[in-house]
């Protein structure tokens, strides 16, 4: 039969693992990502006014930030497929 008191005592006397120090590169990357997130948030907050969007068939109203984000996403998708097509031809 195991002695439970000894297990409890050994668990409480264990030292925590030493914390690893972040490298300068990781710290700079984190700071850059935080700055980028802050700028993106400011950009979104400053571009909430409604704008008219002219489609091929008709037009409508949408917040400017939605128009910008959708335009960027469409560009990313087109670029992805264009690069895949270019890679297949090589």
PDB file of N, CA and C in Angstrom:
ATOM      1  N   UNK A   1       0.837  -1.168   0.000  1.00  0.00           N
ATOM      2  CA  UNK A   1       0.000   0.000   0.000  1.00  0.00           C
ATOM      3  C   UNK A   1       0.893   1.247   0.000  1.00  0.00           C
ATOM      4  N   UNK A   2       0.703   2.149  -0.991  1.00  0.00           N
ATOM      5  CA  UNK A   2       1.589   3.322  -1.070  1.00  0.00           C
ATOM      6  C   UNK A   2       1.328   4.298   0.063  1.00  0.00           C
ATOM      7  N   UNK A   3       2.352   4.991   0.419  1.00  0.00           N
ATOM      8  CA  UNK A   3       2.291   5.996   1.471  1.00  0.00           C
ATOM      9  C   UNK A   3       1.889   7.325   0.819  1.00  0.00           C
ATOM     10  N   UNK A   4       0.662   7.784   1.050  1.00  0.00           N
ATOM     11  CA  UNK A   4       0.122   8.981   0.390  1.00  0.00           C
ATOM     12  C   UNK A   4       0.768  10.258   0.884  1.00  0.00           C
ATOM     13  N   UNK A   5       1.205  10.292   2.074  1.00  0.00           N
ATOM     14  CA  UNK A   5       1.828  11.491   2.618  1.00  0.00           C
ATOM     15  C   UNK A   5       3.105  11.843   1.889  1.00  0.00           C
ATOM     16  N   UNK A   6       3.849  10.839   1.480  1.00  0.00           N
ATOM     17  CA  UNK A   6       5.106  11.084   0.785  1.00  0.00           C
ATOM     18  C   UNK A   6       4.844  11.650  -0.611  1.00  0.00           C
ATOM     19  N   UNK A   7       3.819  11.163  -1.312  1.00  0.00           N
ATOM     20  CA  UNK A   7       3.497  11.689  -2.634  1.00  0.00           C
ATOM     21  C   UNK A   7       3.088  13.149  -2.557  1.00  0.00           C
ATOM     22  N   UNK A   8       2.281  13.494  -1.592  1.00  0.00           N
ATOM     23  CA  UNK A   8       1.838  14.873  -1.441  1.00  0.00           C
ATOM     24  C   UNK A   8       3.014  15.782  -1.124  1.00  0.00           C
ATOM     25  N   UNK A   9       3.938  15.280  -0.288  1.00  0.00           N
ATOM     26  CA  UNK A   9       5.086  16.082   0.088  1.00  0.00           C
ATOM     27  C   UNK A   9       6.019  16.295  -1.096  1.00  0.00           C
ATOM     28  N   UNK A  10       6.232  15.257  -1.926  1.00  0.00           N
ATOM     29  CA  UNK A  10       7.145  15.411  -3.042  1.00  0.00           C
ATOM     30  C   UNK A  10       6.558  16.333  -4.111  1.00  0.00           C
ATOM     31  N   UNK A  11       5.229  16.328  -4.255  1.00  0.00           N
ATOM     32  CA  UNK A  11       4.592  17.203  -5.231  1.00  0.00           C
ATOM     33  C   UNK A  11       4.725  18.665  -4.817  1.00  0.00           C
ATOM     34  N   UNK A  12       4.681  18.938  -3.517  1.00  0.00           N
ATOM     35  CA  UNK A  12       4.750  20.325  -3.072  1.00  0.00           C
ATOM     36  C   UNK A  12       6.177  20.846  -3.028  1.00  0.00           C
ATOM     37  N   UNK A  13       7.163  19.983  -3.034  1.00  0.00           N
ATOM     38  CA  UNK A  13       8.551  20.436  -2.961  1.00  0.00           C
ATOM     39  C   UNK A  13       9.199  20.541  -4.321  1.00  0.00           C
ATOM     40  N   UNK A  14       8.475  20.206  -5.398  1.00  0.00           N
ATOM     41  CA  UNK A  14       9.046  20.307  -6.730  1.00  0.00           C
ATOM     42  C   UNK A  14       9.195  21.777  -7.097  1.00  0.00           C
ATOM     43  N   UNK A  15      10.296  22.095  -7.747  1.00  0.00           N
ATOM     44  CA  UNK A  15      10.533  23.469  -8.188  1.00  0.00           C
ATOM     45  C   UNK A  15       9.942  23.653  -9.575  1.00  0.00           C
ATOM     46  N   UNK A  16       9.406  24.812  -9.855  1.00  0.00           N
ATOM     47  CA  UNK A  16       8.838  25.042 -11.182  1.00  0.00           C
ATOM     48  C   UNK A  16       9.945  25.065 -12.237  1.00  0.00           C
ATOM     49  N   UNK A  17       9.574  24.725 -13.463  1.00  0.00           N
ATOM     50  CA  UNK A  17      10.538  24.741 -14.562  1.00  0.00           C
ATOM     51  C   UNK A  17      10.983  26.179 -14.800  1.00  0.00           C
ATOM     52  N   UNK A  18      12.268  26.368 -15.107  1.00  0.00           N
ATOM     53  CA  UNK A  18      12.747  27.733 -15.358  1.00  0.00           C
ATOM     54  C   UNK A  18      12.096  28.304 -16.614  1.00  0.00           C
ATOM     55  N   UNK A  19      11.761  29.593 -16.545  1.00  0.00           N
ATOM     56  CA  UNK A  19      11.148  30.261 -17.691  1.00  0.00           C
ATOM     57  C   UNK A  19      12.225  30.572 -18.713  1.00  0.00           C
ATOM     58  N   UNK A  20      11.934  30.273 -19.981  1.00  0.00           N
ATOM     59  CA  UNK A  20      12.907  30.578 -21.018  1.00  0.00           C
ATOM     60  C   UNK A  20      12.739  32.036 -21.424  1.00  0.00           C
ATOM     61  N   UNK A  21      13.850  32.708 -21.615  1.00  0.00           N
ATOM     62  CA  UNK A  21      13.829  34.118 -21.989  1.00  0.00           C
ATOM     63  C   UNK A  21      13.591  34.224 -23.485  1.00  0.00           C
ATOM     64  N   UNK A  22      12.735  35.130 -23.881  1.00  0.00           N
ATOM     65  CA  UNK A  22      12.469  35.325 -25.294  1.00  0.00           C
ATOM     66  C   UNK A  22      13.663  35.993 -25.961  1.00  0.00           C
ATOM     67  N   UNK A  23      13.911  35.601 -27.198  1.00  0.00           N
ATOM     68  CA  UNK A  23      14.993  36.219 -27.944  1.00  0.00           C
ATOM     69  C   UNK A  23      14.549  37.612 -28.413  1.00  0.00           C
ATOM     70  N   UNK A  24      15.521  38.397 -28.802  1.00  0.00           N
ATOM     71  CA  UNK A  24      15.213  39.744 -29.303  1.00  0.00           C
ATOM     72  C   UNK A  24      14.348  39.678 -30.552  1.00  0.00           C
ATOM     73  N   UNK A  25      14.577  38.661 -31.363  1.00  0.00           N
ATOM     74  CA  UNK A  25      13.799  38.511 -32.588  1.00  0.00           C
ATOM     75  C   UNK A  25      12.327  38.229 -32.268  1.00  0.00           C
ATOM     76  N   UNK A  26      12.067  37.360 -31.303  1.00  0.00           N
ATOM     77  CA  UNK A  26      10.690  37.066 -30.913  1.00  0.00           C
ATOM     78  C   UNK A  26      10.011  38.294 -30.318  1.00  0.00           C
ATOM     79  N   UNK A  27      10.740  39.041 -29.515  1.00  0.00           N
ATOM     80  CA  UNK A  27      10.188  40.255 -28.916  1.00  0.00           C
ATOM     81  C   UNK A  27       9.862  41.289 -29.990  1.00  0.00           C
ATOM     82  N   UNK A  28      10.754  41.445 -30.965  1.00  0.00           N
ATOM     83  CA  UNK A  28      10.509  42.392 -32.049  1.00  0.00           C
ATOM     84  C   UNK A  28       9.321  41.948 -32.896  1.00  0.00           C
ATOM     85  N   UNK A  29       9.205  40.651 -33.149  1.00  0.00           N
ATOM     86  CA  UNK A  29       8.080  40.137 -33.935  1.00  0.00           C
ATOM     87  C   UNK A  29       6.765  40.386 -33.198  1.00  0.00           C
ATOM     88  N   UNK A  30       6.753  40.137 -31.901  1.00  0.00           N
ATOM     89  CA  UNK A  30       5.547  40.361 -31.111  1.00  0.00           C
ATOM     90  C   UNK A  30       5.170  41.841 -31.117  1.00  0.00           C
ATOM     91  N   UNK A  31       6.149  42.709 -30.925  1.00  0.00           N
ATOM     92  CA  UNK A  31       5.892  44.148 -30.936  1.00  0.00           C
ATOM     93  C   UNK A  31       5.371  44.590 -32.308  1.00  0.00           C
ATOM     94  N   UNK A  32       5.936  44.054 -33.363  1.00  0.00           N
ATOM     95  CA  UNK A  32       5.480  44.388 -34.710  1.00  0.00           C
ATOM     96  C   UNK A  32       4.047  43.950 -34.956  1.00  0.00           C
ATOM     97  N   UNK A  33       3.698  42.749 -34.490  1.00  0.00           N
ATOM     98  CA  UNK A  33       2.335  42.256 -34.658  1.00  0.00           C
ATOM     99  C   UNK A  33       1.331  43.075 -33.847  1.00  0.00           C
ATOM    100  N   UNK A  34       1.725  43.490 -32.651  1.00  0.00           N
ATOM    101  CA  UNK A  34       0.850  44.337 -31.837  1.00  0.00           C
ATOM    102  C   UNK A  34       0.640  45.680 -32.533  1.00  0.00           C
ATOM    103  N   UNK A  35       1.708  46.255 -33.051  1.00  0.00           N
ATOM    104  CA  UNK A  35       1.606  47.525 -33.772  1.00  0.00           C
ATOM    105  C   UNK A  35       0.718  47.376 -35.008  1.00  0.00           C
ATOM    106  N   UNK A  36       0.888  46.285 -35.742  1.00  0.00           N
ATOM    107  CA  UNK A  36       0.059  46.043 -36.921  1.00  0.00           C
ATOM    108  C   UNK A  36      -1.406  45.883 -36.537  1.00  0.00           C
ATOM    109  N   UNK A  37      -1.684  45.204 -35.444  1.00  0.00           N
ATOM    110  CA  UNK A  37      -3.064  45.032 -34.978  1.00  0.00           C
ATOM    111  C   UNK A  37      -3.678  46.372 -34.586  1.00  0.00           C
ATOM    112  N   UNK A  38      -2.906  47.219 -33.913  1.00  0.00           N
ATOM    113  CA  UNK A  38      -3.396  48.545 -33.520  1.00  0.00           C
ATOM    114  C   UNK A  38      -3.687  49.394 -34.761  1.00  0.00           C
ATOM    115  N   UNK A  39      -2.781  49.363 -35.733  1.00  0.00           N
ATOM    116  CA  UNK A  39      -2.995  50.145 -36.957  1.00  0.00           C
ATOM    117  C   UNK A  39      -4.203  49.629 -37.738  1.00  0.00           C
ATOM    118  N   UNK A  40      -4.373  48.316 -37.810  1.00  0.00           N
ATOM    119  CA  UNK A  40      -5.529  47.746 -38.510  1.00  0.00           C
ATOM    120  C   UNK A  40      -6.830  48.136 -37.815  1.00  0.00           C
ATOM    121  N   UNK A  41      -6.811  48.132 -36.493  1.00  0.00           N
ATOM    122  CA  UNK A  41      -8.001  48.529 -35.740  1.00  0.00           C
ATOM    123  C   UNK A  41      -8.326  49.997 -35.975  1.00  0.00           C
ATOM    124  N   UNK A  42      -7.317  50.855 -35.924  1.00  0.00           N
ATOM    125  CA  UNK A  42      -7.537  52.281 -36.205  1.00  0.00           C
ATOM    126  C   UNK A  42      -8.055  52.491 -37.621  1.00  0.00           C
ATOM    127  N   UNK A  43      -7.492  51.779 -38.569  1.00  0.00           N
ATOM    128  CA  UNK A  43      -7.919  51.881 -39.965  1.00  0.00           C
ATOM    129  C   UNK A  43      -9.388  51.497 -40.100  1.00  0.00           C
ATOM    130  N   UNK A  44      -9.780  50.418 -39.431  1.00  0.00           N
ATOM    131  CA  UNK A  44     -11.173  49.969 -39.498  1.00  0.00           C
ATOM    132  C   UNK A  44     -12.115  50.967 -38.843  1.00  0.00           C
ATOM    133  N   UNK A  45     -11.712  51.516 -37.705  1.00  0.00           N
ATOM    134  CA  UNK A  45     -12.564  52.454 -36.978  1.00  0.00           C
ATOM    135  C   UNK A  45     -12.721  53.762 -37.761  1.00  0.00           C
ATOM    136  N   UNK A  46     -11.674  54.168 -38.443  1.00  0.00           N
ATOM    137  CA  UNK A  46     -11.726  55.428 -39.180  1.00  0.00           C
ATOM    138  C   UNK A  46     -12.439  55.305 -40.523  1.00  0.00           C
ATOM    139  N   UNK A  47     -12.725  54.084 -40.984  1.00  0.00           N
ATOM    140  CA  UNK A  47     -13.347  53.880 -42.288  1.00  0.00           C
ATOM    141  C   UNK A  47     -14.682  53.157 -42.178  1.00  0.00           C
ATOM    142  N   UNK A  48     -15.553  53.652 -41.320  1.00  0.00           N
ATOM    143  CA  UNK A  48     -16.852  53.019 -41.129  1.00  0.00           C
ATOM    144  C   UNK A  48     -17.979  53.723 -41.868  1.00  0.00           C
ATOM    145  N   UNK A  49     -17.698  54.867 -42.507  1.00  0.00           N
ATOM    146  CA  UNK A  49     -18.771  55.563 -43.198  1.00  0.00           C
ATOM    147  C   UNK A  49     -19.273  54.726 -44.371  1.00  0.00           C
ATOM    148  N   UNK A  50     -20.530  54.902 -44.682  1.00  0.00           N
ATOM    149  CA  UNK A  50     -21.175  54.132 -45.738  1.00  0.00           C
ATOM    150  C   UNK A  50     -20.859  54.755 -47.094  1.00  0.00           C
ATOM    151  N   UNK A  51     -20.537  53.909 -48.067  1.00  0.00           N
ATOM    152  CA  UNK A  51     -20.230  54.381 -49.415  1.00  0.00           C
ATOM    153  C   UNK A  51     -21.108  53.631 -50.406  1.00  0.00           C
ATOM    154  N   UNK A  52     -21.319  54.251 -51.562  1.00  0.00           N
ATOM    155  CA  UNK A  52     -22.097  53.583 -52.613  1.00  0.00           C
ATOM    156  C   UNK A  52     -21.160  52.695 -53.422  1.00  0.00           C
ATOM    157  N   UNK A  53     -21.589  51.456 -53.634  1.00  0.00           N
ATOM    158  CA  UNK A  53     -20.813  50.501 -54.406  1.00  0.00           C
ATOM    159  C   UNK A  53     -21.588  50.190 -55.671  1.00  0.00           C
ATOM    160  N   UNK A  54     -20.965  50.416 -56.831  1.00  0.00           N
ATOM    161  CA  UNK A  54     -21.595  50.141 -58.118  1.00  0.00           C
ATOM    162  C   UNK A  54     -21.168  48.753 -58.592  1.00  0.00           C
ATOM    163  N   UNK A  55     -22.138  47.848 -58.656  1.00  0.00           N
ATOM    164  CA  UNK A  55     -21.899  46.490 -59.130  1.00  0.00           C
ATOM    165  C   UNK A  55     -22.169  46.458 -60.627  1.00  0.00           C
ATOM    166  N   UNK A  56     -21.952  45.329 -61.240  1.00  0.00           N
ATOM    167  CA  UNK A  56     -22.243  45.190 -62.669  1.00  0.00           C
ATOM    168  C   UNK A  56     -23.739  45.395 -62.897  1.00  0.00           C
ATOM    169  N   UNK A  57     -24.537  44.802 -62.012  1.00  0.00           N
ATOM    170  CA  UNK A  57     -25.995  44.954 -62.098  1.00  0.00           C
ATOM    171  C   UNK A  57     -26.478  45.689 -60.853  1.00  0.00           C
ATOM    172  N   UNK A  58     -26.627  46.992 -60.933  1.00  0.00           N
ATOM    173  CA  UNK A  58     -27.153  47.764 -59.827  1.00  0.00           C
ATOM    174  C   UNK A  58     -26.074  48.337 -58.926  1.00  0.00           C
ATOM    175  N   UNK A  59     -26.528  48.886 -57.794  1.00  0.00           N
ATOM    176  CA  UNK A  59     -25.599  49.472 -56.822  1.00  0.00           C
ATOM    177  C   UNK A  59     -26.191  49.294 -55.430  1.00  0.00           C
ATOM    178  N   UNK A  60     -25.364  49.568 -54.433  1.00  0.00           N
ATOM    179  CA  UNK A  60     -25.821  49.434 -53.055  1.00  0.00           C
ATOM    180  C   UNK A  60     -24.922  50.200 -52.112  1.00  0.00           C
ATOM    181  N   UNK A  61     -25.278  50.212 -50.855  1.00  0.00           N
ATOM    182  CA  UNK A  61     -24.503  50.892 -49.816  1.00  0.00           C
ATOM    183  C   UNK A  61     -23.771  49.857 -48.964  1.00  0.00           C
ATOM    184  N   UNK A  62     -22.547  50.176 -48.570  1.00  0.00           N
ATOM    185  CA  UNK A  62     -21.767  49.292 -47.698  1.00  0.00           C
ATOM    186  C   UNK A  62     -20.745  50.142 -46.947  1.00  0.00           C
ATOM    187  N   UNK A  63     -20.364  49.715 -45.731  1.00  0.00           N
ATOM    188  CA  UNK A  63     -19.299  50.429 -45.024  1.00  0.00           C
ATOM    189  C   UNK A  63     -17.990  50.347 -45.817  1.00  0.00           C
ATOM    190  N   UNK A  64     -17.246  51.410 -45.806  1.00  0.00           N
ATOM    191  CA  UNK A  64     -16.007  51.480 -46.578  1.00  0.00           C
ATOM    192  C   UNK A  64     -15.031  50.367 -46.182  1.00  0.00           C
ATOM    193  N   UNK A  65     -14.940  50.041 -44.893  1.00  0.00           N
ATOM    194  CA  UNK A  65     -14.000  49.018 -44.460  1.00  0.00           C
ATOM    195  C   UNK A  65     -14.368  47.661 -45.054  1.00  0.00           C
ATOM    196  N   UNK A  66     -15.666  47.393 -45.203  1.00  0.00           N
ATOM    197  CA  UNK A  66     -16.096  46.120 -45.811  1.00  0.00           C
ATOM    198  C   UNK A  66     -15.669  46.073 -47.272  1.00  0.00           C
ATOM    199  N   UNK A  67     -15.835  47.176 -47.973  1.00  0.00           N
ATOM    200  CA  UNK A  67     -15.428  47.241 -49.379  1.00  0.00           C
ATOM    201  C   UNK A  67     -13.917  47.023 -49.499  1.00  0.00           C
ATOM    202  N   UNK A  68     -13.144  47.651 -48.631  1.00  0.00           N
ATOM    203  CA  UNK A  68     -11.693  47.510 -48.674  1.00  0.00           C
ATOM    204  C   UNK A  68     -11.277  46.066 -48.377  1.00  0.00           C
ATOM    205  N   UNK A  69     -11.840  45.478 -47.318  1.00  0.00           N
ATOM    206  CA  UNK A  69     -11.467  44.112 -46.932  1.00  0.00           C
ATOM    207  C   UNK A  69     -11.856  43.123 -48.026  1.00  0.00           C
ATOM    208  N   UNK A  70     -13.047  43.252 -48.574  1.00  0.00           N
ATOM    209  CA  UNK A  70     -13.460  42.352 -49.652  1.00  0.00           C
ATOM    210  C   UNK A  70     -12.565  42.502 -50.879  1.00  0.00           C
ATOM    211  N   UNK A  71     -12.164  43.706 -51.192  1.00  0.00           N
ATOM    212  CA  UNK A  71     -11.269  43.929 -52.326  1.00  0.00           C
ATOM    213  C   UNK A  71      -9.916  43.262 -52.098  1.00  0.00           C
ATOM    214  N   UNK A  72      -9.400  43.375 -50.890  1.00  0.00           N
ATOM    215  CA  UNK A  72      -8.125  42.734 -50.568  1.00  0.00           C
ATOM    216  C   UNK A  72      -8.255  41.209 -50.656  1.00  0.00           C
ATOM    217  N   UNK A  73      -9.339  40.658 -50.120  1.00  0.00           N
ATOM    218  CA  UNK A  73      -9.537  39.209 -50.159  1.00  0.00           C
ATOM    219  C   UNK A  73      -9.672  38.699 -51.589  1.00  0.00           C
ATOM    220  N   UNK A  74     -10.400  39.414 -52.433  1.00  0.00           N
ATOM    221  CA  UNK A  74     -10.517  39.016 -53.837  1.00  0.00           C
ATOM    222  C   UNK A  74      -9.142  39.060 -54.504  1.00  0.00           C
ATOM    223  N   UNK A  75      -8.356  40.071 -54.216  1.00  0.00           N
ATOM    224  CA  UNK A  75      -7.011  40.159 -54.764  1.00  0.00           C
ATOM    225  C   UNK A  75      -6.123  39.013 -54.313  1.00  0.00           C
ATOM    226  N   UNK A  76      -6.233  38.632 -53.043  1.00  0.00           N
ATOM    227  CA  UNK A  76      -5.444  37.508 -52.527  1.00  0.00           C
ATOM    228  C   UNK A  76      -5.837  36.211 -53.223  1.00  0.00           C
ATOM    229  N   UNK A  77      -7.132  35.990 -53.385  1.00  0.00           N
ATOM    230  CA  UNK A  77      -7.606  34.764 -54.041  1.00  0.00           C
ATOM    231  C   UNK A  77      -7.140  34.726 -55.500  1.00  0.00           C
ATOM    232  N   UNK A  78      -7.294  35.820 -56.228  1.00  0.00           N
ATOM    233  CA  UNK A  78      -6.845  35.861 -57.624  1.00  0.00           C
ATOM    234  C   UNK A  78      -5.341  35.623 -57.728  1.00  0.00           C
ATOM    235  N   UNK A  79      -4.569  36.234 -56.843  1.00  0.00           N
ATOM    236  CA  UNK A  79      -3.120  36.050 -56.849  1.00  0.00           C
ATOM    237  C   UNK A  79      -2.757  34.596 -56.584  1.00  0.00           C
ATOM    238  N   UNK A  80      -3.440  33.984 -55.632  1.00  0.00           N
ATOM    239  CA  UNK A  80      -3.169  32.574 -55.307  1.00  0.00           C
ATOM    240  C   UNK A  80      -3.386  31.682 -56.524  1.00  0.00           C
ATOM    241  N   UNK A  81      -4.530  31.846 -57.187  1.00  0.00           N
ATOM    242  CA  UNK A  81      -4.821  31.009 -58.348  1.00  0.00           C
ATOM    243  C   UNK A  81      -3.910  31.320 -59.521  1.00  0.00           C
ATOM    244  N   UNK A  82      -3.524  32.580 -59.704  1.00  0.00           N
ATOM    245  CA  UNK A  82      -2.598  32.940 -60.778  1.00  0.00           C
ATOM    246  C   UNK A  82      -1.223  32.317 -60.541  1.00  0.00           C
ATOM    247  N   UNK A  83      -0.768  32.293 -59.296  1.00  0.00           N
ATOM    248  CA  UNK A  83       0.530  31.674 -58.980  1.00  0.00           C
ATOM    249  C   UNK A  83       0.478  30.173 -59.159  1.00  0.00           C
ATOM    250  N   UNK A  84      -0.641  29.539 -58.782  1.00  0.00           N
ATOM    251  CA  UNK A  84      -0.782  28.093 -58.967  1.00  0.00           C
ATOM    252  C   UNK A  84      -0.767  27.748 -60.458  1.00  0.00           C
ATOM    253  N   UNK A  85      -1.461  28.547 -61.251  1.00  0.00           N
ATOM    254  CA  UNK A  85      -1.492  28.302 -62.694  1.00  0.00           C
ATOM    255  C   UNK A  85      -0.120  28.486 -63.314  1.00  0.00           C
ATOM    256  N   UNK A  86       0.595  29.504 -62.856  1.00  0.00           N
ATOM    257  CA  UNK A  86       1.943  29.757 -63.357  1.00  0.00           C
ATOM    258  C   UNK A  86       2.897  28.629 -62.983  1.00  0.00           C
ATOM    259  N   UNK A  87       2.757  28.092 -61.787  1.00  0.00           N
ATOM    260  CA  UNK A  87       3.628  26.995 -61.329  1.00  0.00           C
ATOM    261  C   UNK A  87       3.378  25.719 -62.113  1.00  0.00           C
ATOM    262  N   UNK A  88       2.141  25.475 -62.528  1.00  0.00           N
ATOM    263  CA  UNK A  88       1.829  24.276 -63.304  1.00  0.00           C
ATOM    264  C   UNK A  88       2.452  24.328 -64.694  1.00  0.00           C
ATOM    265  N   UNK A  89       2.626  25.503 -65.240  1.00  0.00           N
ATOM    266  CA  UNK A  89       3.189  25.646 -66.592  1.00  0.00           C
ATOM    267  C   UNK A  89       4.695  25.427 -66.608  1.00  0.00           C
ATOM    268  N   UNK A  90       5.339  25.494 -65.485  1.00  0.00           N
ATOM    269  CA  UNK A  90       6.816  25.360 -65.463  1.00  0.00           C
ATOM    270  C   UNK A  90       7.227  23.947 -65.625  1.00  0.00           C
TER     271      UNK A  90
END
